[in-house]
Amino acid sequence: MTESITNSRCHAIIHTAAVASGAGNAVPVPGFGWAADTVALTGMAVALAAVFGKDLTKSAASAVAVAALKRQVLKKPLKCIGKELCKLIPWGGQAVSAVVSAGLVEAAGWSLVKQFESGNFKALD
């Protein structure tokens, strides 16, 4: 598979997961966003593994999703806490939460792509 095809598939998978995560985070319930993020990241990890010819079980993908989410939370803790707290502000806070969550999922997705490309993905061995 050529690099441009792989890149376009990765773009489609990551953007779809980011949109799904953002939609889930638009729900005005603090804490619900973490579940939406985990589901989006799990599906994204399975799809990205398939693009790179790897076989990733759902349980391994769930572990990958939680690890990716944990890395993003540790990198940007205030942003993650703020995205949940801002849901308490009607309409505007929910929109902010959705945008922040989509950005976090995008960052986690490209981090997974770099790991797949470099071969540093230990969960697949």
C-alpha atoms as a PDB file:
ATOM      1  CA  MET A   1       0.000   0.000   0.000  1.00  0.00           C
ATOM      2  CA  THR A   2       1.391   3.376  -0.937  1.00  0.00           C
ATOM      3  CA  GLU A   3       2.134   6.019   1.647  1.00  0.00           C
ATOM      4  CA  SER A   4      -0.509   8.408   0.311  1.00  0.00           C
ATOM      5  CA  ILE A   5      -3.242   5.762   0.575  1.00  0.00           C
ATOM      6  CA  THR A   6      -2.158   4.884   4.097  1.00  0.00           C
ATOM      7  CA  ASN A   7      -2.057   8.555   5.041  1.00  0.00           C
ATOM      8  CA  SER A   8      -5.526   9.236   3.622  1.00  0.00           C
ATOM      9  CA  ARG A   9      -6.972   6.223   5.455  1.00  0.00           C
ATOM     10  CA  CYS A  10      -5.363   7.358   8.706  1.00  0.00           C
ATOM     11  CA  HIS A  11      -6.798  10.852   8.200  1.00  0.00           C
ATOM     12  CA  ALA A  12     -10.294   9.451   7.648  1.00  0.00           C
ATOM     13  CA  ILE A  13     -10.123   7.136  10.668  1.00  0.00           C
ATOM     14  CA  ILE A  14      -8.724   9.751  13.034  1.00  0.00           C
ATOM     15  CA  HIS A  15     -11.092  12.516  11.939  1.00  0.00           C
ATOM     16  CA  THR A  16     -14.091  10.188  12.233  1.00  0.00           C
ATOM     17  CA  ALA A  17     -13.069   9.195  15.759  1.00  0.00           C
ATOM     18  CA  ALA A  18     -12.523  12.849  16.693  1.00  0.00           C
ATOM     19  CA  VAL A  19     -15.973  13.820  15.429  1.00  0.00           C
ATOM     20  CA  ALA A  20     -17.573  10.912  17.309  1.00  0.00           C
ATOM     21  CA  SER A  21     -15.749  11.865  20.479  1.00  0.00           C
ATOM     22  CA  GLY A  22     -16.743  15.499  20.081  1.00  0.00           C
ATOM     23  CA  ALA A  23     -20.384  14.529  19.604  1.00  0.00           C
ATOM     24  CA  GLY A  24     -20.273  12.385  22.735  1.00  0.00           C
ATOM     25  CA  ASN A  25     -18.693  15.204  24.699  1.00  0.00           C
ATOM     26  CA  ALA A  26     -21.444  17.609  23.695  1.00  0.00           C
ATOM     27  CA  VAL A  27     -23.724  15.760  26.143  1.00  0.00           C
ATOM     28  CA  PRO A  28     -24.089  18.053  29.177  1.00  0.00           C
ATOM     29  CA  VAL A  29     -23.203  15.395  31.762  1.00  0.00           C
ATOM     30  CA  PRO A  30     -19.783  15.773  33.410  1.00  0.00           C
ATOM     31  CA  GLY A  31     -17.865  12.505  33.146  1.00  0.00           C
ATOM     32  CA  PHE A  32     -19.809  11.168  30.149  1.00  0.00           C
ATOM     33  CA  GLY A  33     -17.080  12.471  27.864  1.00  0.00           C
ATOM     34  CA  TRP A  34     -14.514  10.019  29.195  1.00  0.00           C
ATOM     35  CA  ALA A  35     -16.716   7.119  28.065  1.00  0.00           C
ATOM     36  CA  ALA A  36     -17.173   8.694  24.634  1.00  0.00           C
ATOM     37  CA  ASP A  37     -13.420   9.242  24.342  1.00  0.00           C
ATOM     38  CA  THR A  38     -12.647   5.636  25.299  1.00  0.00           C
ATOM     39  CA  VAL A  39     -15.115   4.201  22.789  1.00  0.00           C
ATOM     40  CA  ALA A  40     -13.825   6.458  20.004  1.00  0.00           C
ATOM     41  CA  LEU A  41     -10.185   5.647  20.798  1.00  0.00           C
ATOM     42  CA  THR A  42     -10.867   1.896  20.941  1.00  0.00           C
ATOM     43  CA  GLY A  43     -12.480   1.881  17.510  1.00  0.00           C
ATOM     44  CA  MET A  44      -9.745   4.121  16.157  1.00  0.00           C
ATOM     45  CA  ALA A  45      -6.985   1.830  17.470  1.00  0.00           C
ATOM     46  CA  VAL A  46      -8.546  -1.252  15.842  1.00  0.00           C
ATOM     47  CA  ALA A  47      -8.999   0.563  12.512  1.00  0.00           C
ATOM     48  CA  LEU A  48      -5.468   2.009  12.519  1.00  0.00           C
ATOM     49  CA  ALA A  49      -4.008  -1.408  13.316  1.00  0.00           C
ATOM     50  CA  ALA A  50      -5.832  -2.821  10.287  1.00  0.00           C
ATOM     51  CA  VAL A  51      -4.398  -0.081   8.061  1.00  0.00           C
ATOM     52  CA  PHE A  52      -0.882  -1.099   9.102  1.00  0.00           C
ATOM     53  CA  GLY A  53      -1.623  -4.823   8.689  1.00  0.00           C
ATOM     54  CA  LYS A  54      -1.690  -5.612  12.399  1.00  0.00           C
ATOM     55  CA  ASP A  55      -4.255  -7.670  14.280  1.00  0.00           C
ATOM     56  CA  LEU A  56      -5.519  -5.973  17.408  1.00  0.00           C
ATOM     57  CA  THR A  57      -8.167  -7.592  19.608  1.00  0.00           C
ATOM     58  CA  LYS A  58     -10.880  -5.483  21.196  1.00  0.00           C
ATOM     59  CA  SER A  59      -9.419  -6.017  24.678  1.00  0.00           C
ATOM     60  CA  ALA A  60      -5.971  -4.946  23.478  1.00  0.00           C
ATOM     61  CA  ALA A  61      -7.528  -1.985  21.665  1.00  0.00           C
ATOM     62  CA  SER A  62      -9.323  -0.989  24.859  1.00  0.00           C
ATOM     63  CA  ALA A  63      -6.010  -1.093  26.735  1.00  0.00           C
ATOM     64  CA  VAL A  64      -4.413   0.989  23.975  1.00  0.00           C
ATOM     65  CA  ALA A  65      -7.281   3.485  24.150  1.00  0.00           C
ATOM     66  CA  VAL A  66      -6.978   3.862  27.907  1.00  0.00           C
ATOM     67  CA  ALA A  67      -3.195   4.256  27.641  1.00  0.00           C
ATOM     68  CA  ALA A  68      -3.539   6.888  24.895  1.00  0.00           C
ATOM     69  CA  LEU A  69      -6.171   8.760  26.892  1.00  0.00           C
ATOM     70  CA  LYS A  70      -3.961   8.589  29.990  1.00  0.00           C
ATOM     71  CA  ARG A  71      -0.996  10.004  28.059  1.00  0.00           C
ATOM     72  CA  GLN A  72      -3.090  12.928  26.820  1.00  0.00           C
ATOM     73  CA  VAL A  73      -4.493  13.609  30.300  1.00  0.00           C
ATOM     74  CA  LEU A  74      -1.008  13.588  31.814  1.00  0.00           C
ATOM     75  CA  LYS A  75       0.266  15.956  29.100  1.00  0.00           C
ATOM     76  CA  LYS A  76      -2.638  18.403  29.471  1.00  0.00           C
ATOM     77  CA  PRO A  77      -4.337  17.849  32.845  1.00  0.00           C
ATOM     78  CA  LEU A  78      -5.925  21.290  33.162  1.00  0.00           C
ATOM     79  CA  LYS A  79      -7.386  21.080  29.683  1.00  0.00           C
ATOM     80  CA  CYS A  80      -8.949  17.692  30.469  1.00  0.00           C
ATOM     81  CA  ILE A  81     -10.401  18.776  33.800  1.00  0.00           C
ATOM     82  CA  GLY A  82     -11.592  22.042  32.300  1.00  0.00           C
ATOM     83  CA  LYS A  83     -13.405  20.301  29.457  1.00  0.00           C
ATOM     84  CA  GLU A  84     -15.538  18.381  31.935  1.00  0.00           C
ATOM     85  CA  LEU A  85     -16.156  21.331  34.253  1.00  0.00           C
ATOM     86  CA  CYS A  86     -17.133  23.664  31.443  1.00  0.00           C
ATOM     87  CA  LYS A  87     -20.109  21.395  30.683  1.00  0.00           C
ATOM     88  CA  LEU A  88     -21.783  23.072  33.635  1.00  0.00           C
ATOM     89  CA  ILE A  89     -22.085  26.224  31.493  1.00  0.00           C
ATOM     90  CA  PRO A  90     -25.138  25.796  29.238  1.00  0.00           C
ATOM     91  CA  TRP A  91     -24.515  25.545  25.468  1.00  0.00           C
ATOM     92  CA  GLY A  92     -21.143  27.286  25.293  1.00  0.00           C
ATOM     93  CA  GLY A  93     -19.471  24.976  27.773  1.00  0.00           C
ATOM     94  CA  GLN A  94     -20.704  21.912  25.937  1.00  0.00           C
ATOM     95  CA  ALA A  95     -19.336  23.243  22.663  1.00  0.00           C
ATOM     96  CA  VAL A  96     -15.951  23.936  24.259  1.00  0.00           C
ATOM     97  CA  SER A  97     -15.880  20.426  25.733  1.00  0.00           C
ATOM     98  CA  ALA A  98     -16.621  18.883  22.339  1.00  0.00           C
ATOM     99  CA  VAL A  99     -13.858  20.854  20.597  1.00  0.00           C
ATOM    100  CA  VAL A 100     -11.259  20.109  23.281  1.00  0.00           C
ATOM    101  CA  SER A 101     -12.112  16.419  23.256  1.00  0.00           C
ATOM    102  CA  ALA A 102     -11.877  16.223  19.475  1.00  0.00           C
ATOM    103  CA  GLY A 103      -8.421  17.797  19.679  1.00  0.00           C
ATOM    104  CA  LEU A 104      -7.274  15.320  22.313  1.00  0.00           C
ATOM    105  CA  VAL A 105      -8.480  12.367  20.231  1.00  0.00           C
ATOM    106  CA  GLU A 106      -6.733  13.783  17.148  1.00  0.00           C
ATOM    107  CA  ALA A 107      -3.464  14.053  19.081  1.00  0.00           C
ATOM    108  CA  ALA A 108      -3.800  10.540  20.479  1.00  0.00           C
ATOM    109  CA  GLY A 109      -4.583   9.181  17.002  1.00  0.00           C
ATOM    110  CA  TRP A 110      -1.518  10.667  15.375  1.00  0.00           C
ATOM    111  CA  SER A 111       0.552   9.403  18.289  1.00  0.00           C
ATOM    112  CA  LEU A 112      -0.721   5.879  17.556  1.00  0.00           C
ATOM    113  CA  VAL A 113       0.101   6.295  13.856  1.00  0.00           C
ATOM    114  CA  LYS A 114       3.683   7.264  14.715  1.00  0.00           C
ATOM    115  CA  GLN A 115       3.974   4.195  16.960  1.00  0.00           C
ATOM    116  CA  PHE A 116       2.669   1.900  14.213  1.00  0.00           C
ATOM    117  CA  GLU A 117       5.013   3.437  11.631  1.00  0.00           C
ATOM    118  CA  SER A 118       8.081   3.169  13.842  1.00  0.00           C
ATOM    119  CA  GLY A 119       7.325  -0.387  14.949  1.00  0.00           C
ATOM    120  CA  ASN A 120       7.456   0.636  18.634  1.00  0.00           C
ATOM    121  CA  PHE A 121       4.034  -0.796  19.342  1.00  0.00           C
ATOM    122  CA  LYS A 122       4.650  -3.444  22.022  1.00  0.00           C
ATOM    123  CA  ALA A 123       0.973  -4.474  22.458  1.00  0.00           C
ATOM    124  CA  LEU A 124       0.990  -6.111  19.028  1.00  0.00           C
ATOM    125  CA  ASP A 125       3.880  -8.515  19.575  1.00  0.00           C
END
